[in-house]
């Protein structure tokens, strides 16, 4: 599986602008791109942590929130790029874990069609 986050996009809304990360994924003959907010990555990580407890395995480090910077509205272009790179690395490392390949959470996050999920998920007999 190849995963990348080639760029981000800022969405302007009335309340507060936010960033979406374009996730591009290739698996066998299937390609897709999805846009995800940081909160969606965080939710994926929470799900993977639950799976990790059941499987007794490890997960890659998740790039943390910079709460103080968000509160002070001091996110710089470097901070945003650092997060993009961190999330990209997290997804690449997560994709090969037993946690990601044992449940529907990770393929669902990538919006894989069912027939592709069947090829990706590890079958346990």
PDB file of N, CA and C in Angstrom:
ATOM      1  N   UNK A   1       0.842  -1.175   0.000  1.00  0.00           N
ATOM      2  CA  UNK A   1       0.000   0.000   0.000  1.00  0.00           C
ATOM      3  C   UNK A   1       0.887   1.238   0.000  1.00  0.00           C
ATOM      4  N   UNK A   2       0.522   2.180  -0.830  1.00  0.00           N
ATOM      5  CA  UNK A   2       1.212   3.472  -0.864  1.00  0.00           C
ATOM      6  C   UNK A   2       0.252   4.528  -0.331  1.00  0.00           C
ATOM      7  N   UNK A   3       0.740   5.334   0.606  1.00  0.00           N
ATOM      8  CA  UNK A   3      -0.088   6.395   1.189  1.00  0.00           C
ATOM      9  C   UNK A   3       0.724   7.673   1.226  1.00  0.00           C
ATOM     10  N   UNK A   4       0.073   8.766   0.874  1.00  0.00           N
ATOM     11  CA  UNK A   4       0.710  10.068   0.966  1.00  0.00           C
ATOM     12  C   UNK A   4      -0.310  11.142   1.287  1.00  0.00           C
ATOM     13  N   UNK A   5       0.184  12.211   1.827  1.00  0.00           N
ATOM     14  CA  UNK A   5      -0.631  13.412   2.031  1.00  0.00           C
ATOM     15  C   UNK A   5       0.121  14.522   1.301  1.00  0.00           C
ATOM     16  N   UNK A   6      -0.162  14.678   0.005  1.00  0.00           N
ATOM     17  CA  UNK A   6       0.627  15.619  -0.794  1.00  0.00           C
ATOM     18  C   UNK A   6       0.374  17.086  -0.474  1.00  0.00           C
ATOM     19  N   UNK A   7      -0.822  17.389   0.008  1.00  0.00           N
ATOM     20  CA  UNK A   7      -1.072  18.790   0.342  1.00  0.00           C
ATOM     21  C   UNK A   7      -2.251  18.936   1.285  1.00  0.00           C
ATOM     22  N   UNK A   8      -2.405  20.145   1.768  1.00  0.00           N
ATOM     23  CA  UNK A   8      -3.507  20.501   2.658  1.00  0.00           C
ATOM     24  C   UNK A   8      -4.323  21.593   1.976  1.00  0.00           C
ATOM     25  N   UNK A   9      -5.512  21.791   2.483  1.00  0.00           N
ATOM     26  CA  UNK A   9      -6.376  22.846   1.970  1.00  0.00           C
ATOM     27  C   UNK A   9      -7.057  23.504   3.160  1.00  0.00           C
ATOM     28  N   UNK A  10      -7.134  24.806   3.155  1.00  0.00           N
ATOM     29  CA  UNK A  10      -7.823  25.534   4.213  1.00  0.00           C
ATOM     30  C   UNK A  10      -9.250  25.803   3.771  1.00  0.00           C
ATOM     31  N   UNK A  11     -10.185  25.430   4.612  1.00  0.00           N
ATOM     32  CA  UNK A  11     -11.604  25.662   4.354  1.00  0.00           C
ATOM     33  C   UNK A  11     -12.015  26.885   5.170  1.00  0.00           C
ATOM     34  N   UNK A  12     -12.565  27.860   4.495  1.00  0.00           N
ATOM     35  CA  UNK A  12     -13.023  29.066   5.179  1.00  0.00           C
ATOM     36  C   UNK A  12     -14.515  28.930   5.462  1.00  0.00           C
ATOM     37  N   UNK A  13     -14.879  29.032   6.727  1.00  0.00           N
ATOM     38  CA  UNK A  13     -16.291  29.075   7.075  1.00  0.00           C
ATOM     39  C   UNK A  13     -16.535  30.272   7.983  1.00  0.00           C
ATOM     40  N   UNK A  14     -17.795  30.508   8.323  1.00  0.00           N
ATOM     41  CA  UNK A  14     -18.104  31.717   9.085  1.00  0.00           C
ATOM     42  C   UNK A  14     -17.480  31.723  10.471  1.00  0.00           C
ATOM     43  N   UNK A  15     -17.470  30.580  11.125  1.00  0.00           N
ATOM     44  CA  UNK A  15     -16.995  30.515  12.506  1.00  0.00           C
ATOM     45  C   UNK A  15     -15.479  30.538  12.622  1.00  0.00           C
ATOM     46  N   UNK A  16     -14.855  29.600  11.930  1.00  0.00           N
ATOM     47  CA  UNK A  16     -13.416  29.434  12.093  1.00  0.00           C
ATOM     48  C   UNK A  16     -12.878  28.648  10.903  1.00  0.00           C
ATOM     49  N   UNK A  17     -11.822  29.097  10.265  1.00  0.00           N
ATOM     50  CA  UNK A  17     -11.260  28.300   9.165  1.00  0.00           C
ATOM     51  C   UNK A  17     -10.645  27.008   9.719  1.00  0.00           C
ATOM     52  N   UNK A  18     -10.625  25.978   8.904  1.00  0.00           N
ATOM     53  CA  UNK A  18     -10.001  24.727   9.316  1.00  0.00           C
ATOM     54  C   UNK A  18      -9.263  24.122   8.131  1.00  0.00           C
ATOM     55  N   UNK A  19      -8.419  23.156   8.450  1.00  0.00           N
ATOM     56  CA  UNK A  19      -7.549  22.533   7.455  1.00  0.00           C
ATOM     57  C   UNK A  19      -8.023  21.116   7.183  1.00  0.00           C
ATOM     58  N   UNK A  20      -7.992  20.732   5.909  1.00  0.00           N
ATOM     59  CA  UNK A  20      -8.203  19.339   5.533  1.00  0.00           C
ATOM     60  C   UNK A  20      -6.935  18.844   4.844  1.00  0.00           C
ATOM     61  N   UNK A  21      -6.652  17.575   5.066  1.00  0.00           N
ATOM     62  CA  UNK A  21      -5.468  16.925   4.517  1.00  0.00           C
ATOM     63  C   UNK A  21      -5.920  15.990   3.399  1.00  0.00           C
ATOM     64  N   UNK A  22      -5.328  16.138   2.235  1.00  0.00           N
ATOM     65  CA  UNK A  22      -5.672  15.249   1.119  1.00  0.00           C
ATOM     66  C   UNK A  22      -4.838  13.980   1.245  1.00  0.00           C
ATOM     67  N   UNK A  23      -5.512  12.862   1.495  1.00  0.00           N
ATOM     68  CA  UNK A  23      -4.864  11.564   1.637  1.00  0.00           C
ATOM     69  C   UNK A  23      -5.015  10.823   0.318  1.00  0.00           C
ATOM     70  N   UNK A  24      -3.896  10.460  -0.280  1.00  0.00           N
ATOM     71  CA  UNK A  24      -3.913   9.669  -1.504  1.00  0.00           C
ATOM     72  C   UNK A  24      -3.420   8.274  -1.183  1.00  0.00           C
ATOM     73  N   UNK A  25      -4.142   7.276  -1.671  1.00  0.00           N
ATOM     74  CA  UNK A  25      -3.798   5.891  -1.360  1.00  0.00           C
ATOM     75  C   UNK A  25      -3.874   5.038  -2.624  1.00  0.00           C
ATOM     76  N   UNK A  26      -2.920   4.115  -2.727  1.00  0.00           N
ATOM     77  CA  UNK A  26      -2.902   3.127  -3.805  1.00  0.00           C
ATOM     78  C   UNK A  26      -2.732   1.759  -3.159  1.00  0.00           C
ATOM     79  N   UNK A  27      -3.571   0.818  -3.581  1.00  0.00           N
ATOM     80  CA  UNK A  27      -3.462  -0.561  -3.114  1.00  0.00           C
ATOM     81  C   UNK A  27      -3.823  -1.456  -4.282  1.00  0.00           C
ATOM     82  N   UNK A  28      -2.843  -2.203  -4.725  1.00  0.00           N
ATOM     83  CA  UNK A  28      -2.986  -3.031  -5.915  1.00  0.00           C
ATOM     84  C   UNK A  28      -3.422  -2.143  -7.082  1.00  0.00           C
ATOM     85  N   UNK A  29      -4.569  -2.415  -7.696  1.00  0.00           N
ATOM     86  CA  UNK A  29      -5.027  -1.607  -8.843  1.00  0.00           C
ATOM     87  C   UNK A  29      -5.996  -0.500  -8.438  1.00  0.00           C
ATOM     88  N   UNK A  30      -6.193  -0.297  -7.157  1.00  0.00           N
ATOM     89  CA  UNK A  30      -7.160   0.682  -6.671  1.00  0.00           C
ATOM     90  C   UNK A  30      -6.440   1.950  -6.213  1.00  0.00           C
ATOM     91  N   UNK A  31      -6.982   3.100  -6.588  1.00  0.00           N
ATOM     92  CA  UNK A  31      -6.455   4.394  -6.141  1.00  0.00           C
ATOM     93  C   UNK A  31      -7.622   5.240  -5.648  1.00  0.00           C
ATOM     94  N   UNK A  32      -7.339   6.058  -4.643  1.00  0.00           N
ATOM     95  CA  UNK A  32      -8.376   6.942  -4.124  1.00  0.00           C
ATOM     96  C   UNK A  32      -7.718   8.127  -3.438  1.00  0.00           C
ATOM     97  N   UNK A  33      -8.477   9.198  -3.324  1.00  0.00           N
ATOM     98  CA  UNK A  33      -8.041  10.317  -2.499  1.00  0.00           C
ATOM     99  C   UNK A  33      -9.245  10.783  -1.685  1.00  0.00           C
ATOM    100  N   UNK A  34      -8.968  11.103  -0.444  1.00  0.00           N
ATOM    101  CA  UNK A  34      -9.994  11.590   0.472  1.00  0.00           C
ATOM    102  C   UNK A  34      -9.438  12.776   1.231  1.00  0.00           C
ATOM    103  N   UNK A  35     -10.316  13.659   1.651  1.00  0.00           N
ATOM    104  CA  UNK A  35      -9.899  14.780   2.481  1.00  0.00           C
ATOM    105  C   UNK A  35     -10.387  14.521   3.903  1.00  0.00           C
ATOM    106  N   UNK A  36      -9.478  14.686   4.853  1.00  0.00           N
ATOM    107  CA  UNK A  36      -9.776  14.408   6.253  1.00  0.00           C
ATOM    108  C   UNK A  36      -9.297  15.550   7.124  1.00  0.00           C
ATOM    109  N   UNK A  37     -10.079  15.833   8.139  1.00  0.00           N
ATOM    110  CA  UNK A  37      -9.679  16.812   9.145  1.00  0.00           C
ATOM    111  C   UNK A  37      -8.828  16.114  10.198  1.00  0.00           C
ATOM    112  N   UNK A  38      -8.081  16.898  10.955  1.00  0.00           N
ATOM    113  CA  UNK A  38      -7.259  16.333  12.026  1.00  0.00           C
ATOM    114  C   UNK A  38      -8.118  15.532  12.996  1.00  0.00           C
ATOM    115  N   UNK A  39      -9.315  16.021  13.307  1.00  0.00           N
ATOM    116  CA  UNK A  39     -10.195  15.322  14.251  1.00  0.00           C
ATOM    117  C   UNK A  39     -10.549  13.923  13.751  1.00  0.00           C
ATOM    118  N   UNK A  40     -10.616  13.724  12.443  1.00  0.00           N
ATOM    119  CA  UNK A  40     -10.898  12.396  11.898  1.00  0.00           C
ATOM    120  C   UNK A  40      -9.694  11.465  12.069  1.00  0.00           C
ATOM    121  N   UNK A  41      -8.499  12.008  11.905  1.00  0.00           N
ATOM    122  CA  UNK A  41      -7.290  11.217  12.181  1.00  0.00           C
ATOM    123  C   UNK A  41      -7.257  10.825  13.651  1.00  0.00           C
ATOM    124  N   UNK A  42      -7.604  11.764  14.514  1.00  0.00           N
ATOM    125  CA  UNK A  42      -7.604  11.509  15.958  1.00  0.00           C
ATOM    126  C   UNK A  42      -8.609  10.415  16.310  1.00  0.00           C
ATOM    127  N   UNK A  43      -9.778  10.450  15.694  1.00  0.00           N
ATOM    128  CA  UNK A  43     -10.787   9.414  15.939  1.00  0.00           C
ATOM    129  C   UNK A  43     -10.287   8.050  15.451  1.00  0.00           C
ATOM    130  N   UNK A  44      -9.641   8.013  14.289  1.00  0.00           N
ATOM    131  CA  UNK A  44      -9.051   6.761  13.801  1.00  0.00           C
ATOM    132  C   UNK A  44      -8.050   6.225  14.821  1.00  0.00           C
ATOM    133  N   UNK A  45      -7.202   7.090  15.348  1.00  0.00           N
ATOM    134  CA  UNK A  45      -6.205   6.656  16.317  1.00  0.00           C
ATOM    135  C   UNK A  45      -6.874   6.103  17.582  1.00  0.00           C
ATOM    136  N   UNK A  46      -7.934   6.740  18.028  1.00  0.00           N
ATOM    137  CA  UNK A  46      -8.660   6.236  19.213  1.00  0.00           C
ATOM    138  C   UNK A  46      -9.201   4.831  18.959  1.00  0.00           C
ATOM    139  N   UNK A  47      -9.754   4.616  17.771  1.00  0.00           N
ATOM    140  CA  UNK A  47     -10.256   3.285  17.408  1.00  0.00           C
ATOM    141  C   UNK A  47      -9.115   2.266  17.375  1.00  0.00           C
ATOM    142  N   UNK A  48      -7.988   2.663  16.797  1.00  0.00           N
ATOM    143  CA  UNK A  48      -6.843   1.756  16.709  1.00  0.00           C
ATOM    144  C   UNK A  48      -6.297   1.414  18.102  1.00  0.00           C
ATOM    145  N   UNK A  49      -6.368   2.355  19.023  1.00  0.00           N
ATOM    146  CA  UNK A  49      -5.919   2.081  20.394  1.00  0.00           C
ATOM    147  C   UNK A  49      -6.797   1.020  21.055  1.00  0.00           C
ATOM    148  N   UNK A  50      -8.081   1.031  20.763  1.00  0.00           N
ATOM    149  CA  UNK A  50      -8.967  -0.012  21.307  1.00  0.00           C
ATOM    150  C   UNK A  50      -8.610  -1.374  20.707  1.00  0.00           C
ATOM    151  N   UNK A  51      -8.366  -1.402  19.411  1.00  0.00           N
ATOM    152  CA  UNK A  51      -7.989  -2.649  18.744  1.00  0.00           C
ATOM    153  C   UNK A  51      -6.650  -3.148  19.298  1.00  0.00           C
ATOM    154  N   UNK A  52      -5.732  -2.224  19.520  1.00  0.00           N
ATOM    155  CA  UNK A  52      -4.413  -2.584  20.060  1.00  0.00           C
ATOM    156  C   UNK A  52      -4.541  -3.316  21.388  1.00  0.00           C
ATOM    157  N   UNK A  53      -5.452  -2.878  22.228  1.00  0.00           N
ATOM    158  CA  UNK A  53      -5.644  -3.524  23.536  1.00  0.00           C
ATOM    159  C   UNK A  53      -6.114  -4.960  23.374  1.00  0.00           C
ATOM    160  N   UNK A  54      -6.949  -5.202  22.381  1.00  0.00           N
ATOM    161  CA  UNK A  54      -7.451  -6.562  22.134  1.00  0.00           C
ATOM    162  C   UNK A  54      -6.354  -7.444  21.554  1.00  0.00           C
ATOM    163  N   UNK A  55      -5.592  -6.903  20.622  1.00  0.00           N
ATOM    164  CA  UNK A  55      -4.556  -7.692  19.931  1.00  0.00           C
ATOM    165  C   UNK A  55      -3.224  -7.727  20.680  1.00  0.00           C
ATOM    166  N   UNK A  56      -3.071  -6.880  21.677  1.00  0.00           N
ATOM    167  CA  UNK A  56      -1.817  -6.779  22.444  1.00  0.00           C
ATOM    168  C   UNK A  56      -0.628  -6.524  21.514  1.00  0.00           C
ATOM    169  N   UNK A  57      -0.753  -5.475  20.746  1.00  0.00           N
ATOM    170  CA  UNK A  57       0.293  -5.120  19.796  1.00  0.00           C
ATOM    171  C   UNK A  57       0.594  -3.626  19.899  1.00  0.00           C
ATOM    172  N   UNK A  58       1.493  -3.158  19.072  1.00  0.00           N
ATOM    173  CA  UNK A  58       1.925  -1.754  19.137  1.00  0.00           C
ATOM    174  C   UNK A  58       1.325  -0.934  18.000  1.00  0.00           C
ATOM    175  N   UNK A  59       1.302   0.367  18.232  1.00  0.00           N
ATOM    176  CA  UNK A  59       0.871   1.324  17.218  1.00  0.00           C
ATOM    177  C   UNK A  59       1.966   2.357  17.017  1.00  0.00           C
ATOM    178  N   UNK A  60       1.998   2.980  15.841  1.00  0.00           N
ATOM    179  CA  UNK A  60       2.945   4.085  15.657  1.00  0.00           C
ATOM    180  C   UNK A  60       2.517   5.288  16.496  1.00  0.00           C
ATOM    181  N   UNK A  61       3.461   6.183  16.727  1.00  0.00           N
ATOM    182  CA  UNK A  61       3.189   7.400  17.499  1.00  0.00           C
ATOM    183  C   UNK A  61       2.284   8.308  16.675  1.00  0.00           C
ATOM    184  N   UNK A  62       1.270   8.841  17.345  1.00  0.00           N
ATOM    185  CA  UNK A  62       0.342   9.759  16.686  1.00  0.00           C
ATOM    186  C   UNK A  62       0.826  11.190  16.907  1.00  0.00           C
ATOM    187  N   UNK A  63       0.849  12.018  15.843  1.00  0.00           N
ATOM    188  CA  UNK A  63       1.299  13.402  16.020  1.00  0.00           C
ATOM    189  C   UNK A  63       0.324  14.172  16.914  1.00  0.00           C
ATOM    190  N   UNK A  64       0.838  14.724  17.989  1.00  0.00           N
ATOM    191  CA  UNK A  64      -0.002  15.376  18.992  1.00  0.00           C
ATOM    192  C   UNK A  64      -0.571  16.704  18.560  1.00  0.00           C
ATOM    193  N   UNK A  65      -1.541  17.129  19.342  1.00  0.00           N
ATOM    194  CA  UNK A  65      -2.160  18.437  19.122  1.00  0.00           C
ATOM    195  C   UNK A  65      -1.290  19.514  19.740  1.00  0.00           C
ATOM    196  N   UNK A  66      -1.317  20.663  19.133  1.00  0.00           N
ATOM    197  CA  UNK A  66      -0.636  21.835  19.684  1.00  0.00           C
ATOM    198  C   UNK A  66      -1.718  22.744  20.258  1.00  0.00           C
ATOM    199  N   UNK A  67      -2.294  22.311  21.362  1.00  0.00           N
ATOM    200  CA  UNK A  67      -3.454  23.011  21.921  1.00  0.00           C
ATOM    201  C   UNK A  67      -3.139  24.471  22.211  1.00  0.00           C
ATOM    202  N   UNK A  68      -1.982  24.716  22.805  1.00  0.00           N
ATOM    203  CA  UNK A  68      -1.648  26.096  23.163  1.00  0.00           C
ATOM    204  C   UNK A  68      -1.544  26.996  21.937  1.00  0.00           C
ATOM    205  N   UNK A  69      -1.026  26.455  20.828  1.00  0.00           N
ATOM    206  CA  UNK A  69      -0.917  27.246  19.603  1.00  0.00           C
ATOM    207  C   UNK A  69      -2.300  27.507  19.005  1.00  0.00           C
ATOM    208  N   UNK A  70      -3.167  26.506  19.078  1.00  0.00           N
ATOM    209  CA  UNK A  70      -4.516  26.663  18.537  1.00  0.00           C
ATOM    210  C   UNK A  70      -5.273  27.724  19.339  1.00  0.00           C
ATOM    211  N   UNK A  71      -5.137  27.674  20.651  1.00  0.00           N
ATOM    212  CA  UNK A  71      -5.827  28.649  21.499  1.00  0.00           C
ATOM    213  C   UNK A  71      -5.332  30.069  21.246  1.00  0.00           C
ATOM    214  N   UNK A  72      -4.073  30.204  20.954  1.00  0.00           N
ATOM    215  CA  UNK A  72      -3.485  31.522  20.732  1.00  0.00           C
ATOM    216  C   UNK A  72      -3.488  31.918  19.248  1.00  0.00           C
ATOM    217  N   UNK A  73      -4.026  31.042  18.390  1.00  0.00           N
ATOM    218  CA  UNK A  73      -4.060  31.291  16.943  1.00  0.00           C
ATOM    219  C   UNK A  73      -2.661  31.598  16.397  1.00  0.00           C
ATOM    220  N   UNK A  74      -1.694  30.770  16.817  1.00  0.00           N
ATOM    221  CA  UNK A  74      -0.319  31.004  16.381  1.00  0.00           C
ATOM    222  C   UNK A  74       0.230  29.866  15.515  1.00  0.00           C
ATOM    223  N   UNK A  75      -0.640  29.117  14.857  1.00  0.00           N
ATOM    224  CA  UNK A  75      -0.166  28.063  13.964  1.00  0.00           C
ATOM    225  C   UNK A  75       0.562  28.715  12.794  1.00  0.00           C
ATOM    226  N   UNK A  76       1.802  28.326  12.598  1.00  0.00           N
ATOM    227  CA  UNK A  76       2.570  28.855  11.472  1.00  0.00           C
ATOM    228  C   UNK A  76       2.520  27.859  10.315  1.00  0.00           C
ATOM    229  N   UNK A  77       2.984  28.276   9.169  1.00  0.00           N
ATOM    230  CA  UNK A  77       3.072  27.378   8.015  1.00  0.00           C
ATOM    231  C   UNK A  77       3.965  26.188   8.339  1.00  0.00           C
ATOM    232  N   UNK A  78       5.020  26.410   9.121  1.00  0.00           N
ATOM    233  CA  UNK A  78       5.912  25.320   9.531  1.00  0.00           C
ATOM    234  C   UNK A  78       5.191  24.325  10.430  1.00  0.00           C
ATOM    235  N   UNK A  79       4.352  24.826  11.344  1.00  0.00           N
ATOM    236  CA  UNK A  79       3.578  23.942  12.230  1.00  0.00           C
ATOM    237  C   UNK A  79       2.629  23.062  11.413  1.00  0.00           C
ATOM    238  N   UNK A  80       1.979  23.663  10.445  1.00  0.00           N
ATOM    239  CA  UNK A  80       1.027  22.930   9.603  1.00  0.00           C
ATOM    240  C   UNK A  80       1.757  21.885   8.769  1.00  0.00           C
ATOM    241  N   UNK A  81       2.905  22.241   8.228  1.00  0.00           N
ATOM    242  CA  UNK A  81       3.698  21.288   7.450  1.00  0.00           C
ATOM    243  C   UNK A  81       4.205  20.154   8.334  1.00  0.00           C
ATOM    244  N   UNK A  82       4.626  20.466   9.532  1.00  0.00           N
ATOM    245  CA  UNK A  82       5.082  19.442  10.482  1.00  0.00           C
ATOM    246  C   UNK A  82       3.956  18.451  10.770  1.00  0.00           C
ATOM    247  N   UNK A  83       2.754  18.954  10.951  1.00  0.00           N
ATOM    248  CA  UNK A  83       1.609  18.070  11.205  1.00  0.00           C
ATOM    249  C   UNK A  83       1.309  17.225   9.973  1.00  0.00           C
ATOM    250  N   UNK A  84       1.348  17.812   8.781  1.00  0.00           N
ATOM    251  CA  UNK A  84       1.097  17.057   7.547  1.00  0.00           C
ATOM    252  C   UNK A  84       2.073  15.893   7.410  1.00  0.00           C
ATOM    253  N   UNK A  85       3.347  16.189   7.614  1.00  0.00           N
ATOM    254  CA  UNK A  85       4.385  15.160   7.520  1.00  0.00           C
ATOM    255  C   UNK A  85       4.164  14.091   8.595  1.00  0.00           C
ATOM    256  N   UNK A  86       3.829  14.502   9.810  1.00  0.00           N
ATOM    257  CA  UNK A  86       3.588  13.559  10.900  1.00  0.00           C
ATOM    258  C   UNK A  86       2.405  12.651  10.628  1.00  0.00           C
ATOM    259  N   UNK A  87       1.324  13.207  10.114  1.00  0.00           N
ATOM    260  CA  UNK A  87       0.142  12.399   9.792  1.00  0.00           C
ATOM    261  C   UNK A  87       0.421  11.433   8.641  1.00  0.00           C
ATOM    262  N   UNK A  88       1.184  11.886   7.662  1.00  0.00           N
ATOM    263  CA  UNK A  88       1.553  11.019   6.543  1.00  0.00           C
ATOM    264  C   UNK A  88       2.376   9.833   7.045  1.00  0.00           C
ATOM    265  N   UNK A  89       3.357  10.104   7.868  1.00  0.00           N
ATOM    266  CA  UNK A  89       4.196   9.032   8.427  1.00  0.00           C
ATOM    267  C   UNK A  89       3.364   8.091   9.291  1.00  0.00           C
ATOM    268  N   UNK A  90       2.461   8.642  10.082  1.00  0.00           N
ATOM    269  CA  UNK A  90       1.584   7.827  10.927  1.00  0.00           C
ATOM    270  C   UNK A  90       0.772   6.861  10.063  1.00  0.00           C
ATOM    271  N   UNK A  91       0.147   7.362   9.000  1.00  0.00           N
ATOM    272  CA  UNK A  91      -0.662   6.489   8.142  1.00  0.00           C
ATOM    273  C   UNK A  91       0.177   5.408   7.476  1.00  0.00           C
ATOM    274  N   UNK A  92       1.360   5.764   7.012  1.00  0.00           N
ATOM    275  CA  UNK A  92       2.233   4.776   6.365  1.00  0.00           C
ATOM    276  C   UNK A  92       2.625   3.663   7.338  1.00  0.00           C
ATOM    277  N   UNK A  93       2.951   4.053   8.543  1.00  0.00           N
ATOM    278  CA  UNK A  93       3.339   3.056   9.542  1.00  0.00           C
ATOM    279  C   UNK A  93       2.132   2.251  10.013  1.00  0.00           C
ATOM    280  N   UNK A  94       0.995   2.908  10.162  1.00  0.00           N
ATOM    281  CA  UNK A  94      -0.222   2.233  10.612  1.00  0.00           C
ATOM    282  C   UNK A  94      -0.693   1.204   9.601  1.00  0.00           C
ATOM    283  N   UNK A  95      -0.564   1.504   8.324  1.00  0.00           N
ATOM    284  CA  UNK A  95      -1.077   0.637   7.254  1.00  0.00           C
ATOM    285  C   UNK A  95      -0.527  -0.778   7.312  1.00  0.00           C
ATOM    286  N   UNK A  96       0.646  -0.961   7.860  1.00  0.00           N
ATOM    287  CA  UNK A  96       1.262  -2.295   7.895  1.00  0.00           C
ATOM    288  C   UNK A  96       1.063  -3.003   9.232  1.00  0.00           C
ATOM    289  N   UNK A  97       0.372  -2.379  10.168  1.00  0.00           N
ATOM    290  CA  UNK A  97       0.176  -2.992  11.485  1.00  0.00           C
ATOM    291  C   UNK A  97      -0.959  -4.002  11.456  1.00  0.00           C
ATOM    292  N   UNK A  98      -0.898  -4.911  12.400  1.00  0.00           N
ATOM    293  CA  UNK A  98      -1.974  -5.886  12.572  1.00  0.00           C
ATOM    294  C   UNK A  98      -3.280  -5.179  12.938  1.00  0.00           C
ATOM    295  N   UNK A  99      -3.182  -4.107  13.702  1.00  0.00           N
ATOM    296  CA  UNK A  99      -4.384  -3.352  14.086  1.00  0.00           C
ATOM    297  C   UNK A  99      -5.132  -2.851  12.857  1.00  0.00           C
ATOM    298  N   UNK A 100      -4.424  -2.246  11.932  1.00  0.00           N
ATOM    299  CA  UNK A 100      -5.058  -1.691  10.735  1.00  0.00           C
ATOM    300  C   UNK A 100      -5.590  -2.784   9.822  1.00  0.00           C
ATOM    301  N   UNK A 101      -4.889  -3.906   9.763  1.00  0.00           N
ATOM    302  CA  UNK A 101      -5.239  -4.963   8.811  1.00  0.00           C
ATOM    303  C   UNK A 101      -6.202  -5.990   9.380  1.00  0.00           C
ATOM    304  N   UNK A 102      -6.630  -5.797  10.631  1.00  0.00           N
ATOM    305  CA  UNK A 102      -7.520  -6.763  11.278  1.00  0.00           C
ATOM    306  C   UNK A 102      -8.947  -6.272  11.444  1.00  0.00           C
ATOM    307  N   UNK A 103      -9.201  -5.012  11.155  1.00  0.00           N
ATOM    308  CA  UNK A 103     -10.533  -4.454  11.371  1.00  0.00           C
ATOM    309  C   UNK A 103     -10.966  -3.619  10.166  1.00  0.00           C
ATOM    310  N   UNK A 104     -12.177  -3.155  10.215  1.00  0.00           N
ATOM    311  CA  UNK A 104     -12.729  -2.301   9.167  1.00  0.00           C
ATOM    312  C   UNK A 104     -12.393  -0.821   9.364  1.00  0.00           C
ATOM    313  N   UNK A 105     -11.855  -0.446  10.509  1.00  0.00           N
ATOM    314  CA  UNK A 105     -11.658   0.971  10.818  1.00  0.00           C
ATOM    315  C   UNK A 105     -10.706   1.656   9.826  1.00  0.00           C
ATOM    316  N   UNK A 106      -9.540   1.094   9.633  1.00  0.00           N
ATOM    317  CA  UNK A 106      -8.566   1.732   8.757  1.00  0.00           C
ATOM    318  C   UNK A 106      -9.026   1.738   7.300  1.00  0.00           C
ATOM    319  N   UNK A 107      -9.463   0.594   6.736  1.00  0.00           N
ATOM    320  CA  UNK A 107      -9.976   0.637   5.362  1.00  0.00           C
ATOM    321  C   UNK A 107     -11.184   1.574   5.218  1.00  0.00           C
ATOM    322  N   UNK A 108     -11.991   1.664   6.258  1.00  0.00           N
ATOM    323  CA  UNK A 108     -13.123   2.588   6.221  1.00  0.00           C
ATOM    324  C   UNK A 108     -12.665   4.036   6.177  1.00  0.00           C
ATOM    325  N   UNK A 109     -11.633   4.351   6.940  1.00  0.00           N
ATOM    326  CA  UNK A 109     -11.064   5.702   6.954  1.00  0.00           C
ATOM    327  C   UNK A 109     -10.598   6.091   5.553  1.00  0.00           C
ATOM    328  N   UNK A 110     -10.016   5.133   4.841  1.00  0.00           N
ATOM    329  CA  UNK A 110      -9.516   5.378   3.483  1.00  0.00           C
ATOM    330  C   UNK A 110     -10.605   5.242   2.426  1.00  0.00           C
ATOM    331  N   UNK A 111     -11.810   4.905   2.858  1.00  0.00           N
ATOM    332  CA  UNK A 111     -12.962   4.734   1.979  1.00  0.00           C
ATOM    333  C   UNK A 111     -12.724   3.681   0.902  1.00  0.00           C
ATOM    334  N   UNK A 112     -12.116   2.567   1.337  1.00  0.00           N
ATOM    335  CA  UNK A 112     -11.886   1.444   0.430  1.00  0.00           C
ATOM    336  C   UNK A 112     -13.213   0.763   0.105  1.00  0.00           C
ATOM    337  N   UNK A 113     -13.427   0.383  -1.153  1.00  0.00           N
ATOM    338  CA  UNK A 113     -14.613  -0.419  -1.475  1.00  0.00           C
ATOM    339  C   UNK A 113     -14.502  -1.805  -0.817  1.00  0.00           C
ATOM    340  N   UNK A 114     -15.625  -2.444  -0.610  1.00  0.00           N
ATOM    341  CA  UNK A 114     -15.651  -3.723   0.114  1.00  0.00           C
ATOM    342  C   UNK A 114     -14.741  -4.775  -0.504  1.00  0.00           C
ATOM    343  N   UNK A 115     -14.728  -4.884  -1.844  1.00  0.00           N
ATOM    344  CA  UNK A 115     -13.900  -5.926  -2.468  1.00  0.00           C
ATOM    345  C   UNK A 115     -12.409  -5.675  -2.243  1.00  0.00           C
ATOM    346  N   UNK A 116     -12.003  -4.415  -2.132  1.00  0.00           N
ATOM    347  CA  UNK A 116     -10.604  -4.082  -1.864  1.00  0.00           C
ATOM    348  C   UNK A 116     -10.297  -4.335  -0.387  1.00  0.00           C
ATOM    349  N   UNK A 117     -11.247  -4.025   0.494  1.00  0.00           N
ATOM    350  CA  UNK A 117     -11.062  -4.304   1.931  1.00  0.00           C
ATOM    351  C   UNK A 117     -10.793  -5.781   2.161  1.00  0.00           C
ATOM    352  N   UNK A 118     -11.511  -6.624   1.428  1.00  0.00           N
ATOM    353  CA  UNK A 118     -11.335  -8.074   1.592  1.00  0.00           C
ATOM    354  C   UNK A 118      -9.921  -8.509   1.248  1.00  0.00           C
ATOM    355  N   UNK A 119      -9.304  -7.844   0.300  1.00  0.00           N
ATOM    356  CA  UNK A 119      -7.922  -8.164  -0.060  1.00  0.00           C
ATOM    357  C   UNK A 119      -6.934  -7.613   0.959  1.00  0.00           C
ATOM    358  N   UNK A 120      -7.285  -6.509   1.587  1.00  0.00           N
ATOM    359  CA  UNK A 120      -6.380  -5.834   2.520  1.00  0.00           C
ATOM    360  C   UNK A 120      -6.414  -6.453   3.915  1.00  0.00           C
ATOM    361  N   UNK A 121      -7.603  -6.771   4.398  1.00  0.00           N
ATOM    362  CA  UNK A 121      -7.738  -7.266   5.774  1.00  0.00           C
ATOM    363  C   UNK A 121      -7.169  -8.668   5.895  1.00  0.00           C
ATOM    364  N   UNK A 122      -6.430  -8.897   6.967  1.00  0.00           N
ATOM    365  CA  UNK A 122      -5.839 -10.203   7.256  1.00  0.00           C
ATOM    366  C   UNK A 122      -6.961 -11.148   7.680  1.00  0.00           C
ATOM    367  N   UNK A 123      -7.041 -12.273   7.029  1.00  0.00           N
ATOM    368  CA  UNK A 123      -8.060 -13.275   7.373  1.00  0.00           C
ATOM    369  C   UNK A 123      -7.546 -14.131   8.522  1.00  0.00           C
ATOM    370  N   UNK A 124      -8.390 -14.306   9.522  1.00  0.00           N
ATOM    371  CA  UNK A 124      -8.037 -15.162  10.663  1.00  0.00           C
ATOM    372  C   UNK A 124      -8.951 -16.375  10.635  1.00  0.00           C
ATOM    373  N   UNK A 125      -8.348 -17.542  10.594  1.00  0.00           N
ATOM    374  CA  UNK A 125      -9.136 -18.780  10.554  1.00  0.00           C
ATOM    375  C   UNK A 125      -9.184 -19.443  11.906  1.00  0.00           C
TER     376      UNK A 125
END
